[in-house]
Amino acid sequence: PESEMPHPTEVLMDQMGSALSDRLLKNKGAFRADLPDGGFIVLTGG
């Protein structure tokens, strides 16, 4: 439901931690944007 997960990209980026904010995550507006039709975003390891 949209009410439960309005912005999934923000949820996953927040999981990377505040230590990476200035190192990697800051000013990545297009990457944070809502997913288009057919778009995906995943969190992986390795």
PDB file of all heavy atoms in Angstrom:
ATOM      1  N   PRO A   1       0.831  -1.213   0.000  1.00  0.00           N
ATOM      2  CA  PRO A   1       0.000   0.000   0.000  1.00  0.00           C
ATOM      3  C   PRO A   1       0.862   1.259   0.000  1.00  0.00           C
ATOM      4  O   PRO A   1       1.908   1.310   0.657  1.00  0.00           O
ATOM      5  CB  PRO A   1      -0.794  -0.129   1.305  1.00  0.00           C
ATOM      6  CG  PRO A   1      -0.774  -1.587   1.633  1.00  0.00           C
ATOM      7  CD  PRO A   1       0.534  -2.096   1.137  1.00  0.00           C
ATOM      8  N   GLU A   2       0.415   2.263  -0.745  1.00  0.00           N
ATOM      9  CA  GLU A   2       1.172   3.508  -0.836  1.00  0.00           C
ATOM     10  C   GLU A   2       1.319   4.171   0.526  1.00  0.00           C
ATOM     11  O   GLU A   2       2.330   4.807   0.817  1.00  0.00           O
ATOM     12  CB  GLU A   2       0.485   4.469  -1.813  1.00  0.00           C
ATOM     13  CG  GLU A   2       0.501   4.013  -3.260  1.00  0.00           C
ATOM     14  CD  GLU A   2       1.894   4.075  -3.865  1.00  0.00           C
ATOM     15  OE1 GLU A   2       2.731   4.832  -3.342  1.00  0.00           O
ATOM     16  OE2 GLU A   2       2.138   3.361  -4.858  1.00  0.00           O
ATOM     17  N   SER A   3       0.320   4.041   1.390  1.00  0.00           N
ATOM     18  CA  SER A   3       0.390   4.650   2.716  1.00  0.00           C
ATOM     19  C   SER A   3       1.472   3.994   3.581  1.00  0.00           C
ATOM     20  O   SER A   3       2.076   4.634   4.438  1.00  0.00           O
ATOM     21  CB  SER A   3      -0.964   4.530   3.420  1.00  0.00           C
ATOM     22  OG  SER A   3      -1.353   3.162   3.516  1.00  0.00           O
ATOM     23  N   GLU A   4       1.755   2.722   3.322  1.00  0.00           N
ATOM     24  CA  GLU A   4       2.762   2.009   4.103  1.00  0.00           C
ATOM     25  C   GLU A   4       4.174   2.271   3.582  1.00  0.00           C
ATOM     26  O   GLU A   4       5.131   2.305   4.355  1.00  0.00           O
ATOM     27  CB  GLU A   4       2.470   0.506   4.051  1.00  0.00           C
ATOM     28  CG  GLU A   4       3.476  -0.344   4.809  1.00  0.00           C
ATOM     29  CD  GLU A   4       3.172  -1.818   4.684  1.00  0.00           C
ATOM     30  OE1 GLU A   4       1.992  -2.162   4.437  1.00  0.00           O
ATOM     31  OE2 GLU A   4       4.103  -2.635   4.820  1.00  0.00           O
ATOM     32  N   MET A   5       4.333   2.452   2.287  1.00  0.00           N
ATOM     33  CA  MET A   5       5.649   2.624   1.692  1.00  0.00           C
ATOM     34  C   MET A   5       5.578   3.673   0.590  1.00  0.00           C
ATOM     35  O   MET A   5       5.573   3.366  -0.594  1.00  0.00           O
ATOM     36  CB  MET A   5       6.152   1.293   1.125  1.00  0.00           C
ATOM     37  CG  MET A   5       7.593   1.317   0.651  1.00  0.00           C
ATOM     38  SD  MET A   5       8.777   1.573   1.952  1.00  0.00           S
ATOM     39  CE  MET A   5       8.463   0.116   2.960  1.00  0.00           C
ATOM     40  N   PRO A   6       5.517   4.989   0.966  1.00  0.00           N
ATOM     41  CA  PRO A   6       5.382   6.014  -0.058  1.00  0.00           C
ATOM     42  C   PRO A   6       6.642   6.217  -0.891  1.00  0.00           C
ATOM     43  O   PRO A   6       6.573   6.526  -2.076  1.00  0.00           O
ATOM     44  CB  PRO A   6       5.038   7.269   0.746  1.00  0.00           C
ATOM     45  CG  PRO A   6       5.595   7.001   2.116  1.00  0.00           C
ATOM     46  CD  PRO A   6       5.488   5.534   2.317  1.00  0.00           C
ATOM     47  N   HIS A   7       7.833   6.061  -0.268  1.00  0.00           N
ATOM     48  CA  HIS A   7       9.089   6.318  -0.977  1.00  0.00           C
ATOM     49  C   HIS A   7      10.089   5.201  -0.670  1.00  0.00           C
ATOM     50  O   HIS A   7      10.949   5.346   0.217  1.00  0.00           O
ATOM     51  CB  HIS A   7       9.669   7.674  -0.565  1.00  0.00           C
ATOM     52  CG  HIS A   7       8.742   8.817  -0.814  1.00  0.00           C
ATOM     53  ND1 HIS A   7       8.429   9.264  -2.081  1.00  0.00           N
ATOM     54  CD2 HIS A   7       8.051   9.603   0.057  1.00  0.00           C
ATOM     55  CE1 HIS A   7       7.586  10.281  -1.990  1.00  0.00           C
ATOM     56  NE2 HIS A   7       7.345  10.511  -0.703  1.00  0.00           N
ATOM     57  N   PRO A   8      10.026   4.085  -1.390  1.00  0.00           N
ATOM     58  CA  PRO A   8      10.932   2.959  -1.090  1.00  0.00           C
ATOM     59  C   PRO A   8      12.407   3.289  -1.296  1.00  0.00           C
ATOM     60  O   PRO A   8      13.267   2.746  -0.610  1.00  0.00           O
ATOM     61  CB  PRO A   8      10.462   1.855  -2.040  1.00  0.00           C
ATOM     62  CG  PRO A   8       9.710   2.563  -3.122  1.00  0.00           C
ATOM     63  CD  PRO A   8       9.080   3.753  -2.476  1.00  0.00           C
ATOM     64  N   THR A   9      12.725   4.183  -2.246  1.00  0.00           N
ATOM     65  CA  THR A   9      14.130   4.524  -2.465  1.00  0.00           C
ATOM     66  C   THR A   9      14.716   5.206  -1.230  1.00  0.00           C
ATOM     67  O   THR A   9      15.870   4.945  -0.853  1.00  0.00           O
ATOM     68  CB  THR A   9      14.275   5.441  -3.692  1.00  0.00           C
ATOM     69  OG1 THR A   9      13.431   6.583  -3.534  1.00  0.00           O
ATOM     70  CG2 THR A   9      13.889   4.708  -4.958  1.00  0.00           C
ATOM     71  N   GLU A  10      13.942   6.085  -0.606  1.00  0.00           N
ATOM     72  CA  GLU A  10      14.431   6.760   0.601  1.00  0.00           C
ATOM     73  C   GLU A  10      14.643   5.758   1.728  1.00  0.00           C
ATOM     74  O   GLU A  10      15.607   5.865   2.500  1.00  0.00           O
ATOM     75  CB  GLU A  10      13.426   7.836   1.031  1.00  0.00           C
ATOM     76  CG  GLU A  10      13.300   9.002   0.073  1.00  0.00           C
ATOM     77  CD  GLU A  10      14.488   9.958   0.184  1.00  0.00           C
ATOM     78  OE1 GLU A  10      15.307   9.776   1.103  1.00  0.00           O
ATOM     79  OE2 GLU A  10      14.577  10.872  -0.648  1.00  0.00           O
ATOM     80  N   VAL A  11      13.760   4.767   1.826  1.00  0.00           N
ATOM     81  CA  VAL A  11      13.871   3.769   2.889  1.00  0.00           C
ATOM     82  C   VAL A  11      15.181   2.999   2.766  1.00  0.00           C
ATOM     83  O   VAL A  11      15.912   2.805   3.757  1.00  0.00           O
ATOM     84  CB  VAL A  11      12.663   2.801   2.847  1.00  0.00           C
ATOM     85  CG1 VAL A  11      12.871   1.647   3.818  1.00  0.00           C
ATOM     86  CG2 VAL A  11      11.386   3.550   3.178  1.00  0.00           C
ATOM     87  N   LEU A  12      15.518   2.569   1.552  1.00  0.00           N
ATOM     88  CA  LEU A  12      16.737   1.792   1.369  1.00  0.00           C
ATOM     89  C   LEU A  12      17.991   2.644   1.530  1.00  0.00           C
ATOM     90  O   LEU A  12      18.997   2.185   2.086  1.00  0.00           O
ATOM     91  CB  LEU A  12      16.732   1.120  -0.004  1.00  0.00           C
ATOM     92  CG  LEU A  12      15.681   0.024  -0.209  1.00  0.00           C
ATOM     93  CD1 LEU A  12      15.876  -0.641  -1.564  1.00  0.00           C
ATOM     94  CD2 LEU A  12      15.747  -1.016   0.894  1.00  0.00           C
ATOM     95  N   MET A  13      17.969   3.880   1.071  1.00  0.00           N
ATOM     96  CA  MET A  13      19.151   4.724   1.211  1.00  0.00           C
ATOM     97  C   MET A  13      19.409   5.070   2.669  1.00  0.00           C
ATOM     98  O   MET A  13      20.568   5.178   3.104  1.00  0.00           O
ATOM     99  CB  MET A  13      19.014   5.995   0.366  1.00  0.00           C
ATOM    100  CG  MET A  13      19.039   5.727  -1.128  1.00  0.00           C
ATOM    101  SD  MET A  13      19.250   7.200  -2.146  1.00  0.00           S
ATOM    102  CE  MET A  13      21.012   7.527  -1.967  1.00  0.00           C
ATOM    103  N   ASP A  14      18.346   5.212   3.446  1.00  0.00           N
ATOM    104  CA  ASP A  14      18.525   5.495   4.868  1.00  0.00           C
ATOM    105  C   ASP A  14      19.166   4.312   5.593  1.00  0.00           C
ATOM    106  O   ASP A  14      19.825   4.499   6.626  1.00  0.00           O
ATOM    107  CB  ASP A  14      17.184   5.843   5.513  1.00  0.00           C
ATOM    108  CG  ASP A  14      16.660   7.201   5.055  1.00  0.00           C
ATOM    109  OD1 ASP A  14      17.456   7.981   4.514  1.00  0.00           O
ATOM    110  OD2 ASP A  14      15.453   7.466   5.226  1.00  0.00           O
ATOM    111  N   GLN A  15      18.983   3.109   5.068  1.00  0.00           N
ATOM    112  CA  GLN A  15      19.569   1.935   5.713  1.00  0.00           C
ATOM    113  C   GLN A  15      21.085   1.873   5.563  1.00  0.00           C
ATOM    114  O   GLN A  15      21.745   1.093   6.255  1.00  0.00           O
ATOM    115  CB  GLN A  15      18.944   0.658   5.133  1.00  0.00           C
ATOM    116  CG  GLN A  15      17.494   0.447   5.503  1.00  0.00           C
ATOM    117  CD  GLN A  15      16.979  -0.901   5.036  1.00  0.00           C
ATOM    118  OE1 GLN A  15      17.735  -1.838   4.816  1.00  0.00           O
ATOM    119  NE2 GLN A  15      15.668  -1.011   4.888  1.00  0.00           N
ATOM    120  N   MET A  16      21.666   2.674   4.670  1.00  0.00           N
ATOM    121  CA  MET A  16      23.115   2.644   4.495  1.00  0.00           C
ATOM    122  C   MET A  16      23.845   3.369   5.618  1.00  0.00           C
ATOM    123  O   MET A  16      25.071   3.227   5.751  1.00  0.00           O
ATOM    124  CB  MET A  16      23.491   3.235   3.137  1.00  0.00           C
ATOM    125  CG  MET A  16      22.909   2.464   1.969  1.00  0.00           C
ATOM    126  SD  MET A  16      23.621   2.928   0.377  1.00  0.00           S
ATOM    127  CE  MET A  16      25.226   2.146   0.436  1.00  0.00           C
ATOM    128  N   GLY A  17      23.132   4.149   6.419  1.00  0.00           N
ATOM    129  CA  GLY A  17      23.740   4.744   7.593  1.00  0.00           C
ATOM    130  C   GLY A  17      24.173   6.183   7.387  1.00  0.00           C
ATOM    131  O   GLY A  17      24.504   6.604   6.278  1.00  0.00           O
ATOM    132  N   SER A  18      24.191   6.934   8.500  1.00  0.00           N
ATOM    133  CA  SER A  18      24.552   8.353   8.453  1.00  0.00           C
ATOM    134  C   SER A  18      26.033   8.570   8.159  1.00  0.00           C
ATOM    135  O   SER A  18      26.421   9.639   7.682  1.00  0.00           O
ATOM    136  CB  SER A  18      24.181   9.015   9.779  1.00  0.00           C
ATOM    137  OG  SER A  18      24.860   8.377  10.860  1.00  0.00           O
ATOM    138  N   ALA A  19      26.893   7.586   8.443  1.00  0.00           N
ATOM    139  CA  ALA A  19      28.325   7.755   8.194  1.00  0.00           C
ATOM    140  C   ALA A  19      28.627   7.941   6.715  1.00  0.00           C
ATOM    141  O   ALA A  19      29.667   8.494   6.345  1.00  0.00           O
ATOM    142  CB  ALA A  19      29.092   6.558   8.738  1.00  0.00           C
ATOM    143  N   LEU A  20      27.716   7.483   5.840  1.00  0.00           N
ATOM    144  CA  LEU A  20      27.932   7.594   4.396  1.00  0.00           C
ATOM    145  C   LEU A  20      27.253   8.812   3.791  1.00  0.00           C
ATOM    146  O   LEU A  20      27.297   8.988   2.570  1.00  0.00           O
ATOM    147  CB  LEU A  20      27.424   6.339   3.690  1.00  0.00           C
ATOM    148  CG  LEU A  20      28.178   5.051   4.008  1.00  0.00           C
ATOM    149  CD1 LEU A  20      27.437   3.859   3.428  1.00  0.00           C
ATOM    150  CD2 LEU A  20      29.588   5.114   3.470  1.00  0.00           C
ATOM    151  N   SER A  21      26.656   9.646   4.606  1.00  0.00           N
ATOM    152  CA  SER A  21      25.900  10.782   4.074  1.00  0.00           C
ATOM    153  C   SER A  21      26.782  11.685   3.220  1.00  0.00           C
ATOM    154  O   SER A  21      26.506  11.918   2.040  1.00  0.00           O
ATOM    155  CB  SER A  21      25.280  11.584   5.225  1.00  0.00           C
ATOM    156  OG  SER A  21      24.621  12.729   4.727  1.00  0.00           O
ATOM    157  N   ASP A  22      27.858  12.220   3.792  1.00  0.00           N
ATOM    158  CA  ASP A  22      28.740  13.090   3.026  1.00  0.00           C
ATOM    159  C   ASP A  22      29.675  12.298   2.122  1.00  0.00           C
ATOM    160  O   ASP A  22      30.112  12.785   1.090  1.00  0.00           O
ATOM    161  CB  ASP A  22      29.565  13.969   3.959  1.00  0.00           C
ATOM    162  CG  ASP A  22      28.738  15.094   4.566  1.00  0.00           C
ATOM    163  OD1 ASP A  22      27.668  15.393   4.008  1.00  0.00           O
ATOM    164  OD2 ASP A  22      29.159  15.662   5.588  1.00  0.00           O
ATOM    165  N   ARG A  23      29.998  11.082   2.505  1.00  0.00           N
ATOM    166  CA  ARG A  23      30.924  10.291   1.701  1.00  0.00           C
ATOM    167  C   ARG A  23      30.314   9.858   0.378  1.00  0.00           C
ATOM    168  O   ARG A  23      30.987   9.804  -0.637  1.00  0.00           O
ATOM    169  CB  ARG A  23      31.351   9.043   2.480  1.00  0.00           C
ATOM    170  CG  ARG A  23      32.338   9.297   3.628  1.00  0.00           C
ATOM    171  CD  ARG A  23      32.581   7.987   4.345  1.00  0.00           C
ATOM    172  NE  ARG A  23      33.717   8.010   5.244  1.00  0.00           N
ATOM    173  CZ  ARG A  23      33.611   8.063   6.565  1.00  0.00           C
ATOM    174  NH1 ARG A  23      32.412   8.125   7.137  1.00  0.00           N
ATOM    175  NH2 ARG A  23      34.706   8.057   7.327  1.00  0.00           N
ATOM    176  N   LEU A  24      29.011   9.524   0.369  1.00  0.00           N
ATOM    177  CA  LEU A  24      28.435   8.874  -0.815  1.00  0.00           C
ATOM    178  C   LEU A  24      27.018   9.303  -1.159  1.00  0.00           C
ATOM    179  O   LEU A  24      26.675   9.403  -2.332  1.00  0.00           O
ATOM    180  CB  LEU A  24      28.470   7.355  -0.609  1.00  0.00           C
ATOM    181  CG  LEU A  24      27.941   6.464  -1.727  1.00  0.00           C
ATOM    182  CD1 LEU A  24      28.776   6.639  -2.994  1.00  0.00           C
ATOM    183  CD2 LEU A  24      27.937   5.002  -1.301  1.00  0.00           C
ATOM    184  N   LEU A  25      26.179   9.553  -0.154  1.00  0.00           N
ATOM    185  CA  LEU A  25      24.739   9.663  -0.389  1.00  0.00           C
ATOM    186  C   LEU A  25      24.249  11.074  -0.681  1.00  0.00           C
ATOM    187  O   LEU A  25      23.148  11.236  -1.206  1.00  0.00           O
ATOM    188  CB  LEU A  25      23.977   9.121   0.827  1.00  0.00           C
ATOM    189  CG  LEU A  25      24.310   7.684   1.248  1.00  0.00           C
ATOM    190  CD1 LEU A  25      23.479   7.294   2.459  1.00  0.00           C
ATOM    191  CD2 LEU A  25      24.071   6.718   0.096  1.00  0.00           C
ATOM    192  N   LYS A  26      25.024  12.080  -0.355  1.00  0.00           N
ATOM    193  CA  LYS A  26      24.533  13.451  -0.470  1.00  0.00           C
ATOM    194  C   LYS A  26      24.379  13.869  -1.926  1.00  0.00           C
ATOM    195  O   LYS A  26      25.186  13.506  -2.784  1.00  0.00           O
ATOM    196  CB  LYS A  26      25.483  14.407   0.252  1.00  0.00           C
ATOM    197  CG  LYS A  26      24.916  15.794   0.449  1.00  0.00           C
ATOM    198  CD  LYS A  26      25.819  16.622   1.343  1.00  0.00           C
ATOM    199  CE  LYS A  26      25.224  17.995   1.606  1.00  0.00           C
ATOM    200  NZ  LYS A  26      26.101  18.795   2.483  1.00  0.00           N
ATOM    201  N   ASN A  27      23.326  14.639  -2.192  1.00  0.00           N
ATOM    202  CA  ASN A  27      23.071  15.190  -3.529  1.00  0.00           C
ATOM    203  C   ASN A  27      22.940  14.120  -4.606  1.00  0.00           C
ATOM    204  O   ASN A  27      23.532  14.202  -5.672  1.00  0.00           O
ATOM    205  CB  ASN A  27      24.167  16.189  -3.925  1.00  0.00           C
ATOM    206  CG  ASN A  27      24.181  17.409  -3.042  1.00  0.00           C
ATOM    207  OD1 ASN A  27      23.164  17.778  -2.461  1.00  0.00           O
ATOM    208  ND2 ASN A  27      25.329  18.033  -2.910  1.00  0.00           N
ATOM    209  N   LYS A  28      22.164  13.107  -4.315  1.00  0.00           N
ATOM    210  CA  LYS A  28      21.862  12.055  -5.300  1.00  0.00           C
ATOM    211  C   LYS A  28      20.364  12.086  -5.582  1.00  0.00           C
ATOM    212  O   LYS A  28      19.646  11.112  -5.383  1.00  0.00           O
ATOM    213  CB  LYS A  28      22.281  10.676  -4.773  1.00  0.00           C
ATOM    214  CG  LYS A  28      23.751  10.560  -4.397  1.00  0.00           C
ATOM    215  CD  LYS A  28      24.649  10.747  -5.605  1.00  0.00           C
ATOM    216  CE  LYS A  28      26.110  10.445  -5.299  1.00  0.00           C
ATOM    217  NZ  LYS A  28      26.711  11.325  -4.294  1.00  0.00           N
ATOM    218  N   GLY A  29      19.885  13.254  -6.036  1.00  0.00           N
ATOM    219  CA  GLY A  29      18.450  13.462  -6.211  1.00  0.00           C
ATOM    220  C   GLY A  29      17.813  12.496  -7.181  1.00  0.00           C
ATOM    221  O   GLY A  29      16.738  11.951  -6.920  1.00  0.00           O
ATOM    222  N   ALA A  30      18.455  12.259  -8.335  1.00  0.00           N
ATOM    223  CA  ALA A  30      17.864  11.358  -9.334  1.00  0.00           C
ATOM    224  C   ALA A  30      17.810   9.931  -8.818  1.00  0.00           C
ATOM    225  O   ALA A  30      16.868   9.193  -9.107  1.00  0.00           O
ATOM    226  CB  ALA A  30      18.657  11.432 -10.634  1.00  0.00           C
ATOM    227  N   PHE A  31      18.819   9.518  -8.057  1.00  0.00           N
ATOM    228  CA  PHE A  31      18.826   8.162  -7.531  1.00  0.00           C
ATOM    229  C   PHE A  31      17.754   7.992  -6.455  1.00  0.00           C
ATOM    230  O   PHE A  31      17.208   6.897  -6.285  1.00  0.00           O
ATOM    231  CB  PHE A  31      20.211   7.843  -6.949  1.00  0.00           C
ATOM    232  CG  PHE A  31      20.499   6.373  -6.821  1.00  0.00           C
ATOM    233  CD1 PHE A  31      21.006   5.659  -7.890  1.00  0.00           C
ATOM    234  CD2 PHE A  31      20.251   5.697  -5.640  1.00  0.00           C
ATOM    235  CE1 PHE A  31      21.278   4.308  -7.786  1.00  0.00           C
ATOM    236  CE2 PHE A  31      20.519   4.343  -5.518  1.00  0.00           C
ATOM    237  CZ  PHE A  31      21.027   3.646  -6.595  1.00  0.00           C
ATOM    238  N   ARG A  32      17.452   9.064  -5.739  1.00  0.00           N
ATOM    239  CA  ARG A  32      16.430   9.011  -4.693  1.00  0.00           C
ATOM    240  C   ARG A  32      15.008   9.150  -5.241  1.00  0.00           C
ATOM    241  O   ARG A  32      14.042   8.921  -4.523  1.00  0.00           O
ATOM    242  CB  ARG A  32      16.658  10.129  -3.679  1.00  0.00           C
ATOM    243  CG  ARG A  32      17.886   9.943  -2.798  1.00  0.00           C
ATOM    244  CD  ARG A  32      18.032  11.109  -1.839  1.00  0.00           C
ATOM    245  NE  ARG A  32      19.142  10.945  -0.935  1.00  0.00           N
ATOM    246  CZ  ARG A  32      19.085  10.340   0.246  1.00  0.00           C
ATOM    247  NH1 ARG A  32      17.926   9.857   0.676  1.00  0.00           N
ATOM    248  NH2 ARG A  32      20.158  10.229   1.010  1.00  0.00           N
ATOM    249  N   ALA A  33      14.876   9.543  -6.492  1.00  0.00           N
ATOM    250  CA  ALA A  33      13.553   9.818  -7.052  1.00  0.00           C
ATOM    251  C   ALA A  33      12.677   8.564  -7.025  1.00  0.00           C
ATOM    252  O   ALA A  33      13.162   7.427  -6.966  1.00  0.00           O
ATOM    253  CB  ALA A  33      13.686  10.347  -8.472  1.00  0.00           C
ATOM    254  N   ASP A  34      11.376   8.787  -7.086  1.00  0.00           N
ATOM    255  CA  ASP A  34      10.432   7.664  -7.096  1.00  0.00           C
ATOM    256  C   ASP A  34      10.664   6.786  -8.317  1.00  0.00           C
ATOM    257  O   ASP A  34      11.081   7.256  -9.388  1.00  0.00           O
ATOM    258  CB  ASP A  34       8.996   8.190  -7.107  1.00  0.00           C
ATOM    259  CG  ASP A  34       8.630   8.870  -5.791  1.00  0.00           C
ATOM    260  OD1 ASP A  34       9.291   8.581  -4.770  1.00  0.00           O
ATOM    261  OD2 ASP A  34       7.699   9.698  -5.787  1.00  0.00           O
ATOM    262  N   LEU A  35      10.369   5.511  -8.159  1.00  0.00           N
ATOM    263  CA  LEU A  35      10.578   4.554  -9.246  1.00  0.00           C
ATOM    264  C   LEU A  35       9.570   4.774 -10.367  1.00  0.00           C
ATOM    265  O   LEU A  35       8.375   4.943 -10.112  1.00  0.00           O
ATOM    266  CB  LEU A  35      10.447   3.127  -8.720  1.00  0.00           C
ATOM    267  CG  LEU A  35      11.487   2.670  -7.694  1.00  0.00           C
ATOM    268  CD1 LEU A  35      11.113   1.286  -7.166  1.00  0.00           C
ATOM    269  CD2 LEU A  35      12.881   2.654  -8.302  1.00  0.00           C
ATOM    270  N   PRO A  36      10.029   4.743 -11.624  1.00  0.00           N
ATOM    271  CA  PRO A  36       9.087   4.783 -12.741  1.00  0.00           C
ATOM    272  C   PRO A  36       8.490   3.400 -12.956  1.00  0.00           C
ATOM    273  O   PRO A  36       8.867   2.420 -12.302  1.00  0.00           O
ATOM    274  CB  PRO A  36       9.974   5.201 -13.915  1.00  0.00           C
ATOM    275  CG  PRO A  36      11.303   4.610 -13.584  1.00  0.00           C
ATOM    276  CD  PRO A  36      11.439   4.681 -12.083  1.00  0.00           C
ATOM    277  N   ASP A  37       7.557   3.305 -13.897  1.00  0.00           N
ATOM    278  CA  ASP A  37       6.984   2.003 -14.217  1.00  0.00           C
ATOM    279  C   ASP A  37       8.077   1.095 -14.785  1.00  0.00           C
ATOM    280  O   ASP A  37       8.797   1.460 -15.719  1.00  0.00           O
ATOM    281  CB  ASP A  37       5.861   2.163 -15.245  1.00  0.00           C
ATOM    282  CG  ASP A  37       5.101   0.857 -15.448  1.00  0.00           C
ATOM    283  OD1 ASP A  37       4.827   0.184 -14.441  1.00  0.00           O
ATOM    284  OD2 ASP A  37       4.819   0.508 -16.609  1.00  0.00           O
ATOM    285  N   GLY A  38       8.209  -0.088 -14.201  1.00  0.00           N
ATOM    286  CA  GLY A  38       9.264  -1.008 -14.598  1.00  0.00           C
ATOM    287  C   GLY A  38      10.578  -0.791 -13.869  1.00  0.00           C
ATOM    288  O   GLY A  38      11.533  -1.546 -14.086  1.00  0.00           O
ATOM    289  N   GLY A  39      10.654   0.212 -13.010  1.00  0.00           N
ATOM    290  CA  GLY A  39      11.886   0.487 -12.286  1.00  0.00           C
ATOM    291  C   GLY A  39      12.010  -0.364 -11.034  1.00  0.00           C
ATOM    292  O   GLY A  39      11.015  -0.806 -10.462  1.00  0.00           O
ATOM    293  N   PHE A  40      13.242  -0.589 -10.608  1.00  0.00           N
ATOM    294  CA  PHE A  40      13.476  -1.343  -9.379  1.00  0.00           C
ATOM    295  C   PHE A  40      14.654  -0.739  -8.631  1.00  0.00           C
ATOM    296  O   PHE A  40      15.505  -0.051  -9.208  1.00  0.00           O
ATOM    297  CB  PHE A  40      13.755  -2.820  -9.678  1.00  0.00           C
ATOM    298  CG  PHE A  40      15.119  -3.092 -10.268  1.00  0.00           C
ATOM    299  CD1 PHE A  40      16.227  -3.332  -9.444  1.00  0.00           C
ATOM    300  CD2 PHE A  40      15.303  -3.110 -11.646  1.00  0.00           C
ATOM    301  CE1 PHE A  40      17.483  -3.562  -9.979  1.00  0.00           C
ATOM    302  CE2 PHE A  40      16.561  -3.355 -12.195  1.00  0.00           C
ATOM    303  CZ  PHE A  40      17.649  -3.582 -11.356  1.00  0.00           C
ATOM    304  N   ILE A  41      14.708  -1.013  -7.349  1.00  0.00           N
ATOM    305  CA  ILE A  41      15.863  -0.678  -6.525  1.00  0.00           C
ATOM    306  C   ILE A  41      16.022  -1.795  -5.504  1.00  0.00           C
ATOM    307  O   ILE A  41      15.036  -2.232  -4.896  1.00  0.00           O
ATOM    308  CB  ILE A  41      15.715   0.701  -5.846  1.00  0.00           C
ATOM    309  CG1 ILE A  41      16.999   1.047  -5.072  1.00  0.00           C
ATOM    310  CG2 ILE A  41      14.495   0.763  -4.941  1.00  0.00           C
ATOM    311  CD1 ILE A  41      17.049   2.489  -4.604  1.00  0.00           C
ATOM    312  N   VAL A  42      17.253  -2.288  -5.360  1.00  0.00           N
ATOM    313  CA  VAL A  42      17.498  -3.411  -4.465  1.00  0.00           C
ATOM    314  C   VAL A  42      18.717  -3.122  -3.598  1.00  0.00           C
ATOM    315  O   VAL A  42      19.629  -2.384  -3.993  1.00  0.00           O
ATOM    316  CB  VAL A  42      17.710  -4.731  -5.236  1.00  0.00           C
ATOM    317  CG1 VAL A  42      16.463  -5.122  -5.993  1.00  0.00           C
ATOM    318  CG2 VAL A  42      18.900  -4.633  -6.173  1.00  0.00           C
ATOM    319  N   LEU A  43      18.724  -3.736  -2.431  1.00  0.00           N
ATOM    320  CA  LEU A  43      19.849  -3.680  -1.505  1.00  0.00           C
ATOM    321  C   LEU A  43      20.553  -5.026  -1.547  1.00  0.00           C
ATOM    322  O   LEU A  43      19.936  -6.075  -1.323  1.00  0.00           O
ATOM    323  CB  LEU A  43      19.363  -3.378  -0.089  1.00  0.00           C
ATOM    324  CG  LEU A  43      20.419  -3.280   1.005  1.00  0.00           C
ATOM    325  CD1 LEU A  43      21.243  -2.010   0.837  1.00  0.00           C
ATOM    326  CD2 LEU A  43      19.751  -3.277   2.387  1.00  0.00           C
ATOM    327  N   THR A  44      21.849  -5.020  -1.879  1.00  0.00           N
ATOM    328  CA  THR A  44      22.609  -6.258  -1.993  1.00  0.00           C
ATOM    329  C   THR A  44      23.835  -6.212  -1.086  1.00  0.00           C
ATOM    330  O   THR A  44      24.218  -5.149  -0.581  1.00  0.00           O
ATOM    331  CB  THR A  44      23.075  -6.499  -3.447  1.00  0.00           C
ATOM    332  OG1 THR A  44      24.083  -5.546  -3.785  1.00  0.00           O
ATOM    333  CG2 THR A  44      21.905  -6.397  -4.412  1.00  0.00           C
ATOM    334  N   GLY A  45      24.450  -7.357  -0.910  1.00  0.00           N
ATOM    335  CA  GLY A  45      25.695  -7.455  -0.160  1.00  0.00           C
ATOM    336  C   GLY A  45      26.849  -7.747  -1.092  1.00  0.00           C
ATOM    337  O   GLY A  45      26.796  -7.459  -2.293  1.00  0.00           O
ATOM    338  N   GLY A  46      27.903  -8.341  -0.558  1.00  0.00           N
ATOM    339  CA  GLY A  46      29.045  -8.702  -1.379  1.00  0.00           C
ATOM    340  C   GLY A  46      29.968  -7.533  -1.652  1.00  0.00           C
ATOM    341  O   GLY A  46      29.981  -6.531  -0.937  1.00  0.00           O
TER     342      GLY A  46
END
